[in-house]
């Protein structure tokens, strides 16, 4: 069986970064026939790229061949990528491309998907705080309904994230963002 590269990603909301780990593992005929090493591609004979996308647009293509070749263990943990840069609420994908330099065959991992919606959470929290400072009961009632609507749809985003529903997530995200933009002036 040939190599099947596998990665996992972890999003850190504090520093807005992704940690990627190669979990392909080492070849074992019984337990991991698609892992690194003979008869599959050796780590030190591979040209390896991490391919980052946002909404299917390529953000970066990073050569990590030297890191892969230098590692000896089962898993390879890469550095934090995009620290402080994943501040745009969206869906991010990471793919792993491995090219065997001897056979010239290419192998791809399944895309790992990360759903980010930290900015929206922050804005809704700010709305609740500002709402607490409004003394006009009529305005307060209207804005409270808006905050409740936003909170319930935020829960919908979380649900879509957990179910891995990318297109629905992006659609609802866009709708909530537009609603926030419309209401920002009311909360100033």
N, C-alpha and C. Protein backbone atom coordinates (compact mmCIF):
# COMPACT_ATOMS: atom_id res chain seq x y z
N UNK A 1 0.84 -1.19 0.00
CA UNK A 1 0.00 0.00 0.00
C UNK A 1 0.88 1.24 0.00
N UNK A 2 0.47 2.28 -0.69
CA UNK A 2 1.30 3.48 -0.76
C UNK A 2 1.03 4.43 0.42
N UNK A 3 1.89 5.42 0.53
CA UNK A 3 1.81 6.40 1.60
C UNK A 3 0.49 7.16 1.57
N UNK A 4 -0.12 7.35 2.74
CA UNK A 4 -1.29 8.22 2.87
C UNK A 4 -0.95 9.22 3.98
N UNK A 5 -0.51 10.43 3.60
CA UNK A 5 -0.15 11.42 4.63
C UNK A 5 -1.37 11.88 5.41
N UNK A 6 -1.19 12.06 6.72
CA UNK A 6 -2.28 12.49 7.59
C UNK A 6 -1.77 13.62 8.48
N UNK A 7 -2.61 14.65 8.64
CA UNK A 7 -2.28 15.73 9.56
C UNK A 7 -3.48 16.07 10.44
N UNK A 8 -3.19 16.71 11.56
CA UNK A 8 -4.24 17.29 12.39
C UNK A 8 -3.90 18.77 12.59
N UNK A 9 -4.93 19.59 12.81
CA UNK A 9 -4.67 21.01 13.08
C UNK A 9 -5.39 21.40 14.37
N UNK A 10 -4.80 22.36 15.06
CA UNK A 10 -5.40 22.88 16.28
C UNK A 10 -5.35 24.39 16.23
N UNK A 11 -6.51 25.02 16.40
CA UNK A 11 -6.60 26.48 16.38
C UNK A 11 -6.46 27.01 17.80
N UNK A 12 -5.59 28.01 17.97
CA UNK A 12 -5.42 28.66 19.27
C UNK A 12 -6.07 30.04 19.19
N UNK A 13 -7.24 30.24 19.84
CA UNK A 13 -7.92 31.53 19.72
C UNK A 13 -7.18 32.67 20.42
N UNK A 14 -6.30 32.35 21.38
CA UNK A 14 -5.58 33.41 22.10
C UNK A 14 -4.57 34.13 21.23
N UNK A 15 -3.74 33.36 20.51
CA UNK A 15 -2.75 34.03 19.65
C UNK A 15 -3.10 33.90 18.17
N UNK A 16 -4.35 33.47 17.87
CA UNK A 16 -4.85 33.39 16.49
C UNK A 16 -3.87 32.63 15.59
N UNK A 17 -3.55 31.40 15.97
CA UNK A 17 -2.59 30.62 15.18
C UNK A 17 -3.06 29.17 15.03
N UNK A 18 -2.42 28.47 14.09
CA UNK A 18 -2.68 27.04 13.87
C UNK A 18 -1.43 26.25 14.21
N UNK A 19 -1.61 25.14 14.91
CA UNK A 19 -0.53 24.18 15.11
C UNK A 19 -0.88 22.95 14.29
N UNK A 20 0.06 22.54 13.44
CA UNK A 20 -0.18 21.38 12.56
C UNK A 20 0.71 20.23 13.00
N UNK A 21 0.15 19.04 13.03
CA UNK A 21 0.92 17.86 13.41
C UNK A 21 0.76 16.78 12.34
N UNK A 22 1.90 16.25 11.89
CA UNK A 22 1.88 15.10 10.97
C UNK A 22 1.67 13.86 11.82
N UNK A 23 0.55 13.17 11.60
CA UNK A 23 0.24 11.97 12.37
C UNK A 23 0.22 10.73 11.48
N UNK A 24 0.95 10.81 10.35
CA UNK A 24 1.00 9.69 9.40
C UNK A 24 1.55 8.44 10.06
N UNK A 25 2.57 8.60 10.90
CA UNK A 25 3.19 7.47 11.58
C UNK A 25 4.17 6.72 10.70
N UNK A 26 4.90 5.78 11.30
CA UNK A 26 5.90 4.99 10.59
C UNK A 26 5.26 3.72 10.02
N UNK A 27 5.80 3.27 8.90
CA UNK A 27 5.26 2.09 8.22
C UNK A 27 5.31 0.86 9.13
N UNK A 28 4.19 0.14 9.14
CA UNK A 28 4.12 -1.16 9.79
C UNK A 28 3.14 -1.99 8.96
N UNK A 29 3.59 -3.13 8.47
CA UNK A 29 2.77 -3.94 7.55
C UNK A 29 1.40 -4.30 8.14
N UNK A 30 1.34 -4.51 9.44
CA UNK A 30 0.08 -4.93 10.06
C UNK A 30 -0.75 -3.75 10.55
N UNK A 31 -0.10 -2.79 11.23
CA UNK A 31 -0.87 -1.73 11.90
C UNK A 31 -0.89 -0.40 11.16
N UNK A 32 0.08 -0.14 10.28
CA UNK A 32 0.10 1.15 9.57
C UNK A 32 0.74 1.00 8.18
N UNK A 33 0.07 0.27 7.28
CA UNK A 33 0.65 0.02 5.95
C UNK A 33 0.76 1.28 5.08
N UNK A 34 0.13 2.40 5.51
CA UNK A 34 0.20 3.62 4.71
C UNK A 34 1.14 4.67 5.32
N UNK A 35 2.00 4.22 6.24
CA UNK A 35 2.90 5.14 6.95
C UNK A 35 4.21 5.42 6.22
N UNK A 36 5.02 6.28 6.84
CA UNK A 36 6.34 6.64 6.30
C UNK A 36 7.30 5.45 6.34
N UNK A 37 8.14 5.34 5.33
CA UNK A 37 9.22 4.34 5.34
C UNK A 37 8.94 3.18 4.41
N UNK A 38 10.03 2.48 4.03
CA UNK A 38 9.95 1.39 3.06
C UNK A 38 8.89 0.38 3.45
N UNK A 39 8.09 -0.08 2.47
CA UNK A 39 8.19 0.14 1.02
C UNK A 39 7.57 1.47 0.55
N UNK A 40 7.06 2.29 1.44
CA UNK A 40 6.52 3.59 1.06
C UNK A 40 7.63 4.64 1.05
N UNK A 41 7.26 5.88 0.77
CA UNK A 41 8.22 6.98 0.72
C UNK A 41 8.91 7.18 2.06
N UNK A 42 10.24 7.35 2.00
CA UNK A 42 11.01 7.67 3.20
C UNK A 42 10.90 9.17 3.47
N UNK A 43 10.95 9.54 4.74
CA UNK A 43 10.86 10.96 5.09
C UNK A 43 11.96 11.80 4.45
N UNK A 44 13.17 11.26 4.45
CA UNK A 44 14.30 12.05 3.92
C UNK A 44 14.35 12.07 2.40
N UNK A 45 13.39 11.41 1.76
CA UNK A 45 13.33 11.41 0.30
C UNK A 45 12.08 12.14 -0.20
N UNK A 46 11.46 12.91 0.70
CA UNK A 46 10.19 13.56 0.34
C UNK A 46 10.33 15.07 0.30
N UNK A 47 9.66 15.67 -0.68
CA UNK A 47 9.48 17.12 -0.73
C UNK A 47 8.08 17.34 -0.16
N UNK A 48 8.01 18.05 0.96
CA UNK A 48 6.74 18.14 1.69
C UNK A 48 6.31 19.60 1.82
N UNK A 49 5.04 19.85 1.52
CA UNK A 49 4.48 21.21 1.62
C UNK A 49 3.22 21.20 2.48
N UNK A 50 3.07 22.26 3.25
CA UNK A 50 1.80 22.55 3.90
C UNK A 50 1.14 23.61 3.03
N UNK A 51 -0.12 23.39 2.66
CA UNK A 51 -0.84 24.33 1.80
C UNK A 51 -2.00 24.89 2.61
N UNK A 52 -1.96 26.20 2.85
CA UNK A 52 -2.97 26.87 3.66
C UNK A 52 -3.97 27.59 2.76
N UNK A 53 -5.25 27.45 3.09
CA UNK A 53 -6.31 28.12 2.32
C UNK A 53 -7.27 28.83 3.26
N UNK A 54 -7.86 29.91 2.76
CA UNK A 54 -9.00 30.55 3.42
C UNK A 54 -10.10 30.62 2.39
N UNK A 55 -11.25 30.03 2.67
CA UNK A 55 -12.36 29.98 1.71
C UNK A 55 -11.90 29.48 0.34
N UNK A 56 -11.06 28.46 0.33
CA UNK A 56 -10.54 27.80 -0.87
C UNK A 56 -9.53 28.63 -1.67
N UNK A 57 -9.18 29.82 -1.17
CA UNK A 57 -8.11 30.62 -1.78
C UNK A 57 -6.81 30.30 -1.07
N UNK A 58 -5.73 30.06 -1.83
CA UNK A 58 -4.45 29.71 -1.22
C UNK A 58 -3.84 30.94 -0.55
N UNK A 59 -3.53 30.79 0.74
CA UNK A 59 -2.86 31.85 1.49
C UNK A 59 -1.34 31.69 1.41
N UNK A 60 -0.90 30.44 1.53
CA UNK A 60 0.54 30.19 1.55
C UNK A 60 0.82 28.72 1.24
N UNK A 61 1.99 28.49 0.69
CA UNK A 61 2.48 27.13 0.42
C UNK A 61 3.85 27.05 1.08
N UNK A 62 3.97 26.29 2.15
CA UNK A 62 5.17 26.30 3.00
C UNK A 62 5.93 24.98 2.85
N UNK A 63 7.20 25.08 2.47
CA UNK A 63 8.06 23.90 2.34
C UNK A 63 8.53 23.48 3.73
N UNK A 64 8.13 22.29 4.17
CA UNK A 64 8.52 21.79 5.49
C UNK A 64 9.36 20.50 5.37
N UNK A 65 9.95 20.30 4.21
CA UNK A 65 10.73 19.07 3.94
C UNK A 65 11.84 18.84 4.95
N UNK A 66 12.56 19.91 5.30
CA UNK A 66 13.70 19.75 6.22
C UNK A 66 13.23 19.35 7.62
N UNK A 67 12.07 19.85 8.05
CA UNK A 67 11.53 19.47 9.37
C UNK A 67 11.13 18.00 9.36
N UNK A 68 10.47 17.57 8.30
CA UNK A 68 10.02 16.18 8.18
C UNK A 68 11.21 15.22 8.15
N UNK A 69 12.24 15.58 7.38
CA UNK A 69 13.43 14.72 7.25
C UNK A 69 14.20 14.60 8.57
N UNK A 70 14.19 15.66 9.36
CA UNK A 70 14.98 15.67 10.60
C UNK A 70 14.33 14.89 11.74
N UNK A 71 13.02 14.68 11.66
CA UNK A 71 12.30 14.01 12.76
C UNK A 71 12.46 12.50 12.69
N UNK A 72 12.45 11.87 13.88
CA UNK A 72 12.59 10.41 13.93
C UNK A 72 11.38 9.73 14.55
N UNK A 73 10.57 10.48 15.30
CA UNK A 73 9.43 9.88 16.00
C UNK A 73 8.23 9.64 15.12
N UNK A 74 7.17 9.14 15.74
CA UNK A 74 5.93 8.84 15.02
C UNK A 74 5.24 10.10 14.52
N UNK A 75 5.17 11.14 15.37
CA UNK A 75 4.47 12.37 15.01
C UNK A 75 5.46 13.52 14.84
N UNK A 76 5.11 14.46 13.97
CA UNK A 76 5.93 15.64 13.73
C UNK A 76 5.07 16.87 14.01
N UNK A 77 5.45 17.64 15.02
CA UNK A 77 4.70 18.86 15.35
C UNK A 77 5.41 20.04 14.73
N UNK A 78 4.69 20.79 13.90
CA UNK A 78 5.26 21.97 13.26
C UNK A 78 5.03 23.20 14.13
N UNK A 79 5.70 24.28 13.79
CA UNK A 79 5.58 25.53 14.53
C UNK A 79 4.16 26.11 14.41
N UNK A 80 3.90 27.16 15.17
CA UNK A 80 2.63 27.89 15.03
C UNK A 80 2.66 28.69 13.74
N UNK A 81 1.61 28.58 12.95
CA UNK A 81 1.52 29.34 11.71
C UNK A 81 0.49 30.45 11.84
N UNK A 82 0.76 31.56 11.20
CA UNK A 82 -0.15 32.71 11.14
C UNK A 82 -0.43 33.30 12.52
N UNK A 83 0.56 33.27 13.42
CA UNK A 83 0.32 33.83 14.75
C UNK A 83 -0.15 35.27 14.63
N UNK A 84 -1.32 35.55 15.23
CA UNK A 84 -1.90 36.88 15.21
C UNK A 84 -2.55 37.27 13.90
N UNK A 85 -2.62 36.34 12.94
CA UNK A 85 -3.14 36.69 11.61
C UNK A 85 -4.49 36.06 11.28
N UNK A 86 -4.92 35.08 12.05
CA UNK A 86 -6.20 34.43 11.75
C UNK A 86 -7.34 35.20 12.42
N UNK A 87 -7.32 36.52 12.23
CA UNK A 87 -8.32 37.35 12.87
C UNK A 87 -9.54 37.57 11.98
N UNK A 88 -9.50 37.05 10.78
CA UNK A 88 -10.68 37.14 9.91
C UNK A 88 -11.53 35.91 10.14
N UNK A 89 -12.75 36.13 10.62
CA UNK A 89 -13.66 35.01 10.83
C UNK A 89 -13.89 34.32 9.49
N UNK A 90 -13.65 33.03 9.44
CA UNK A 90 -13.76 32.32 8.17
C UNK A 90 -13.52 30.84 8.41
N UNK A 91 -13.42 30.10 7.30
CA UNK A 91 -13.02 28.69 7.34
C UNK A 91 -11.63 28.58 6.74
N UNK A 92 -10.73 27.95 7.47
CA UNK A 92 -9.35 27.77 7.01
C UNK A 92 -9.10 26.29 6.80
N UNK A 93 -8.35 25.97 5.74
CA UNK A 93 -8.02 24.57 5.44
C UNK A 93 -6.50 24.42 5.33
N UNK A 94 -6.02 23.26 5.72
CA UNK A 94 -4.60 22.93 5.56
C UNK A 94 -4.52 21.57 4.88
N UNK A 95 -3.74 21.51 3.81
CA UNK A 95 -3.45 20.25 3.12
C UNK A 95 -1.97 19.95 3.24
N UNK A 96 -1.65 18.70 3.10
CA UNK A 96 -0.27 18.23 3.18
C UNK A 96 0.05 17.59 1.84
N UNK A 97 1.04 18.08 1.13
CA UNK A 97 1.44 17.48 -0.15
C UNK A 97 2.82 16.87 0.00
N UNK A 98 2.93 15.61 -0.38
CA UNK A 98 4.20 14.90 -0.30
C UNK A 98 4.57 14.44 -1.71
N UNK A 99 5.75 14.84 -2.16
CA UNK A 99 6.24 14.39 -3.47
C UNK A 99 7.47 13.52 -3.25
N UNK A 100 7.39 12.26 -3.71
CA UNK A 100 8.53 11.34 -3.61
C UNK A 100 9.54 11.74 -4.68
N UNK A 101 10.76 12.10 -4.26
CA UNK A 101 11.75 12.61 -5.21
C UNK A 101 12.36 11.51 -6.07
N UNK A 102 12.16 10.25 -5.69
CA UNK A 102 12.68 9.14 -6.50
C UNK A 102 11.66 8.71 -7.55
N UNK A 103 10.44 8.45 -7.11
CA UNK A 103 9.42 7.96 -8.04
C UNK A 103 8.63 9.10 -8.70
N UNK A 104 8.76 10.30 -8.16
CA UNK A 104 8.04 11.50 -8.64
C UNK A 104 6.53 11.38 -8.45
N UNK A 105 6.11 10.48 -7.58
CA UNK A 105 4.69 10.38 -7.24
C UNK A 105 4.34 11.43 -6.21
N UNK A 106 3.10 11.94 -6.26
CA UNK A 106 2.63 12.90 -5.27
C UNK A 106 1.48 12.31 -4.46
N UNK A 107 1.47 12.64 -3.19
CA UNK A 107 0.43 12.17 -2.28
C UNK A 107 -0.13 13.38 -1.53
N UNK A 108 -1.42 13.37 -1.26
CA UNK A 108 -2.07 14.48 -0.56
C UNK A 108 -2.82 13.97 0.66
N UNK A 109 -2.78 14.75 1.71
CA UNK A 109 -3.61 14.45 2.88
C UNK A 109 -5.02 14.96 2.62
N UNK A 110 -5.95 14.50 3.44
CA UNK A 110 -7.27 15.12 3.42
C UNK A 110 -7.14 16.48 4.08
N UNK A 111 -7.88 17.46 3.60
CA UNK A 111 -7.79 18.80 4.16
C UNK A 111 -8.32 18.85 5.58
N UNK A 112 -7.54 19.47 6.47
CA UNK A 112 -7.98 19.69 7.83
C UNK A 112 -8.65 21.07 7.88
N UNK A 113 -9.84 21.15 8.42
CA UNK A 113 -10.62 22.38 8.39
C UNK A 113 -10.72 22.99 9.78
N UNK A 114 -10.50 24.30 9.85
CA UNK A 114 -10.62 25.04 11.10
C UNK A 114 -11.63 26.16 10.91
N UNK A 115 -12.62 26.21 11.79
CA UNK A 115 -13.65 27.24 11.74
C UNK A 115 -13.28 28.34 12.74
N UNK A 116 -13.21 29.57 12.27
CA UNK A 116 -12.83 30.68 13.14
C UNK A 116 -13.97 31.70 13.17
N UNK A 117 -14.42 32.04 14.38
CA UNK A 117 -15.40 33.12 14.51
C UNK A 117 -15.21 33.83 15.85
N UNK A 118 -13.98 34.26 16.08
CA UNK A 118 -13.63 34.94 17.33
C UNK A 118 -14.08 36.41 17.32
N UNK A 119 -13.98 37.07 16.16
CA UNK A 119 -14.32 38.49 16.06
C UNK A 119 -15.80 38.72 16.36
N UNK A 120 -16.65 37.85 15.82
CA UNK A 120 -18.09 37.96 16.06
C UNK A 120 -18.39 37.77 17.55
N UNK A 121 -17.77 36.80 18.19
CA UNK A 121 -17.98 36.57 19.63
C UNK A 121 -17.64 37.84 20.42
N UNK A 122 -16.52 38.43 20.06
CA UNK A 122 -16.06 39.63 20.77
C UNK A 122 -17.05 40.80 20.59
N UNK A 123 -17.53 40.98 19.37
CA UNK A 123 -18.47 42.08 19.10
C UNK A 123 -19.78 41.89 19.86
N UNK A 124 -20.29 40.66 19.90
CA UNK A 124 -21.54 40.41 20.61
C UNK A 124 -21.36 40.66 22.11
N UNK A 125 -20.22 40.26 22.66
CA UNK A 125 -19.93 40.55 24.08
C UNK A 125 -19.91 42.04 24.34
N UNK A 126 -19.29 42.79 23.42
CA UNK A 126 -19.25 44.25 23.55
C UNK A 126 -20.66 44.83 23.51
N UNK A 127 -21.52 44.29 22.64
CA UNK A 127 -22.90 44.77 22.54
C UNK A 127 -23.62 44.61 23.89
N UNK A 128 -23.44 43.45 24.52
CA UNK A 128 -24.10 43.20 25.81
C UNK A 128 -23.60 44.19 26.87
N UNK A 129 -22.30 44.46 26.87
CA UNK A 129 -21.72 45.40 27.84
C UNK A 129 -22.29 46.81 27.61
N UNK A 130 -22.33 47.24 26.36
CA UNK A 130 -22.84 48.58 26.04
C UNK A 130 -24.34 48.68 26.35
N UNK A 131 -25.04 47.58 26.13
CA UNK A 131 -26.47 47.55 26.41
C UNK A 131 -26.75 47.80 27.89
N UNK A 132 -25.88 47.28 28.74
CA UNK A 132 -26.04 47.46 30.19
C UNK A 132 -25.93 48.93 30.60
N UNK A 133 -25.30 49.74 29.75
CA UNK A 133 -25.10 51.16 30.06
C UNK A 133 -26.17 52.06 29.45
N UNK A 134 -27.15 51.49 28.76
CA UNK A 134 -28.20 52.30 28.13
C UNK A 134 -29.38 52.42 29.10
N UNK A 135 -29.81 53.66 29.35
CA UNK A 135 -30.88 53.88 30.33
C UNK A 135 -32.25 54.11 29.68
N UNK A 136 -32.27 54.33 28.38
CA UNK A 136 -33.54 54.52 27.68
C UNK A 136 -34.21 53.15 27.50
N UNK A 137 -35.33 52.93 28.20
CA UNK A 137 -35.97 51.62 28.23
C UNK A 137 -36.44 51.15 26.85
N UNK A 138 -36.87 52.08 25.97
CA UNK A 138 -37.35 51.69 24.64
C UNK A 138 -36.20 51.23 23.75
N UNK A 139 -35.12 51.99 23.79
CA UNK A 139 -33.93 51.59 23.01
C UNK A 139 -33.37 50.28 23.56
N UNK A 140 -33.34 50.18 24.88
CA UNK A 140 -32.78 48.99 25.53
C UNK A 140 -33.52 47.72 25.11
N UNK A 141 -34.85 47.80 25.08
CA UNK A 141 -35.66 46.63 24.72
C UNK A 141 -35.36 46.18 23.28
N UNK A 142 -35.27 47.16 22.37
CA UNK A 142 -34.99 46.84 20.96
C UNK A 142 -33.60 46.22 20.80
N UNK A 143 -32.61 46.80 21.47
CA UNK A 143 -31.24 46.30 21.33
C UNK A 143 -31.06 44.96 22.04
N UNK A 144 -31.81 44.76 23.11
CA UNK A 144 -31.74 43.47 23.80
C UNK A 144 -32.22 42.35 22.88
N UNK A 145 -33.30 42.61 22.14
CA UNK A 145 -33.79 41.62 21.17
C UNK A 145 -32.73 41.32 20.11
N UNK A 146 -32.01 42.36 19.69
CA UNK A 146 -30.95 42.18 18.69
C UNK A 146 -29.82 41.32 19.26
N UNK A 147 -29.44 41.58 20.50
CA UNK A 147 -28.38 40.78 21.15
C UNK A 147 -28.80 39.32 21.28
N UNK A 148 -30.06 39.10 21.64
CA UNK A 148 -30.56 37.72 21.78
C UNK A 148 -30.53 37.01 20.42
N UNK A 149 -30.94 37.73 19.36
CA UNK A 149 -30.91 37.16 18.01
C UNK A 149 -29.48 36.78 17.63
N UNK A 150 -28.54 37.69 17.90
CA UNK A 150 -27.14 37.42 17.55
C UNK A 150 -26.59 36.23 18.34
N UNK A 151 -26.91 36.17 19.63
CA UNK A 151 -26.44 35.06 20.47
C UNK A 151 -26.97 33.72 19.97
N UNK A 152 -28.25 33.69 19.60
CA UNK A 152 -28.83 32.42 19.14
C UNK A 152 -28.20 31.97 17.82
N UNK A 153 -27.89 32.93 16.95
CA UNK A 153 -27.25 32.57 15.69
C UNK A 153 -25.78 32.22 15.87
N UNK A 154 -25.17 32.76 16.91
CA UNK A 154 -23.80 32.37 17.26
C UNK A 154 -23.79 30.89 17.67
N UNK A 155 -24.84 30.48 18.40
CA UNK A 155 -24.99 29.07 18.77
C UNK A 155 -25.17 28.21 17.51
N UNK A 156 -25.88 28.78 16.52
CA UNK A 156 -26.03 28.07 15.23
C UNK A 156 -24.70 27.89 14.53
N UNK A 157 -23.84 28.91 14.59
CA UNK A 157 -22.49 28.79 14.00
C UNK A 157 -21.71 27.68 14.67
N UNK A 158 -21.80 27.63 16.01
CA UNK A 158 -21.10 26.58 16.77
C UNK A 158 -21.58 25.20 16.34
N UNK A 159 -22.88 25.07 16.16
CA UNK A 159 -23.48 23.80 15.74
C UNK A 159 -22.97 23.39 14.36
N UNK A 160 -22.95 24.35 13.44
CA UNK A 160 -22.46 24.05 12.08
C UNK A 160 -20.98 23.69 12.09
N UNK A 161 -20.22 24.35 12.96
CA UNK A 161 -18.79 24.03 13.11
C UNK A 161 -18.63 22.58 13.56
N UNK A 162 -19.39 22.20 14.60
CA UNK A 162 -19.29 20.85 15.15
C UNK A 162 -19.69 19.80 14.13
N UNK A 163 -20.60 20.14 13.22
CA UNK A 163 -21.05 19.20 12.19
C UNK A 163 -20.20 19.27 10.93
N UNK A 164 -19.23 20.20 10.89
CA UNK A 164 -18.34 20.32 9.73
C UNK A 164 -19.02 20.84 8.48
N UNK A 165 -20.08 21.63 8.63
CA UNK A 165 -20.85 22.14 7.49
C UNK A 165 -20.27 23.47 7.03
N UNK A 166 -19.27 23.40 6.15
CA UNK A 166 -18.52 24.59 5.74
C UNK A 166 -19.37 25.65 5.03
N UNK A 167 -20.09 25.25 4.00
CA UNK A 167 -20.80 26.25 3.20
C UNK A 167 -21.92 26.91 4.00
N UNK A 168 -22.65 26.12 4.81
CA UNK A 168 -23.70 26.69 5.65
C UNK A 168 -23.10 27.62 6.70
N UNK A 169 -21.95 27.21 7.25
CA UNK A 169 -21.25 28.03 8.24
C UNK A 169 -20.89 29.40 7.65
N UNK A 170 -20.29 29.39 6.45
CA UNK A 170 -19.89 30.64 5.81
C UNK A 170 -21.09 31.51 5.46
N UNK A 171 -22.18 30.88 5.07
CA UNK A 171 -23.39 31.63 4.73
C UNK A 171 -23.96 32.32 5.97
N UNK A 172 -24.08 31.57 7.08
CA UNK A 172 -24.61 32.16 8.32
C UNK A 172 -23.64 33.20 8.88
N UNK A 173 -22.35 32.92 8.78
CA UNK A 173 -21.33 33.87 9.23
C UNK A 173 -21.49 35.21 8.51
N UNK A 174 -21.67 35.15 7.20
CA UNK A 174 -21.84 36.37 6.40
C UNK A 174 -23.10 37.12 6.82
N UNK A 175 -24.18 36.39 7.07
CA UNK A 175 -25.44 36.99 7.47
C UNK A 175 -25.31 37.70 8.82
N UNK A 176 -24.64 37.04 9.78
CA UNK A 176 -24.45 37.63 11.11
C UNK A 176 -23.54 38.87 11.02
N UNK A 177 -22.49 38.77 10.21
CA UNK A 177 -21.59 39.92 10.04
C UNK A 177 -22.33 41.13 9.49
N UNK A 178 -23.22 40.90 8.52
CA UNK A 178 -24.00 42.01 7.96
C UNK A 178 -24.93 42.61 9.03
N UNK A 179 -25.53 41.75 9.82
CA UNK A 179 -26.43 42.21 10.88
C UNK A 179 -25.65 43.01 11.94
N UNK A 180 -24.45 42.58 12.25
CA UNK A 180 -23.61 43.32 13.20
C UNK A 180 -23.26 44.69 12.62
N UNK A 181 -22.87 44.72 11.35
CA UNK A 181 -22.52 45.99 10.70
C UNK A 181 -23.69 46.98 10.74
N UNK A 182 -24.90 46.48 10.51
CA UNK A 182 -26.09 47.32 10.52
C UNK A 182 -26.33 47.89 11.92
N UNK A 183 -26.04 47.09 12.96
CA UNK A 183 -26.37 47.48 14.32
C UNK A 183 -25.26 48.18 15.10
N UNK A 184 -24.06 48.22 14.55
CA UNK A 184 -22.95 48.82 15.28
C UNK A 184 -23.25 50.26 15.71
N UNK A 185 -23.82 51.05 14.82
CA UNK A 185 -24.10 52.46 15.14
C UNK A 185 -25.09 52.58 16.31
N UNK A 186 -26.01 51.64 16.44
CA UNK A 186 -26.99 51.69 17.53
C UNK A 186 -26.35 51.46 18.90
N UNK A 187 -25.23 50.73 18.89
CA UNK A 187 -24.58 50.39 20.16
C UNK A 187 -23.45 51.36 20.52
N UNK A 188 -23.25 52.40 19.71
CA UNK A 188 -22.17 53.35 20.00
C UNK A 188 -22.58 54.32 21.10
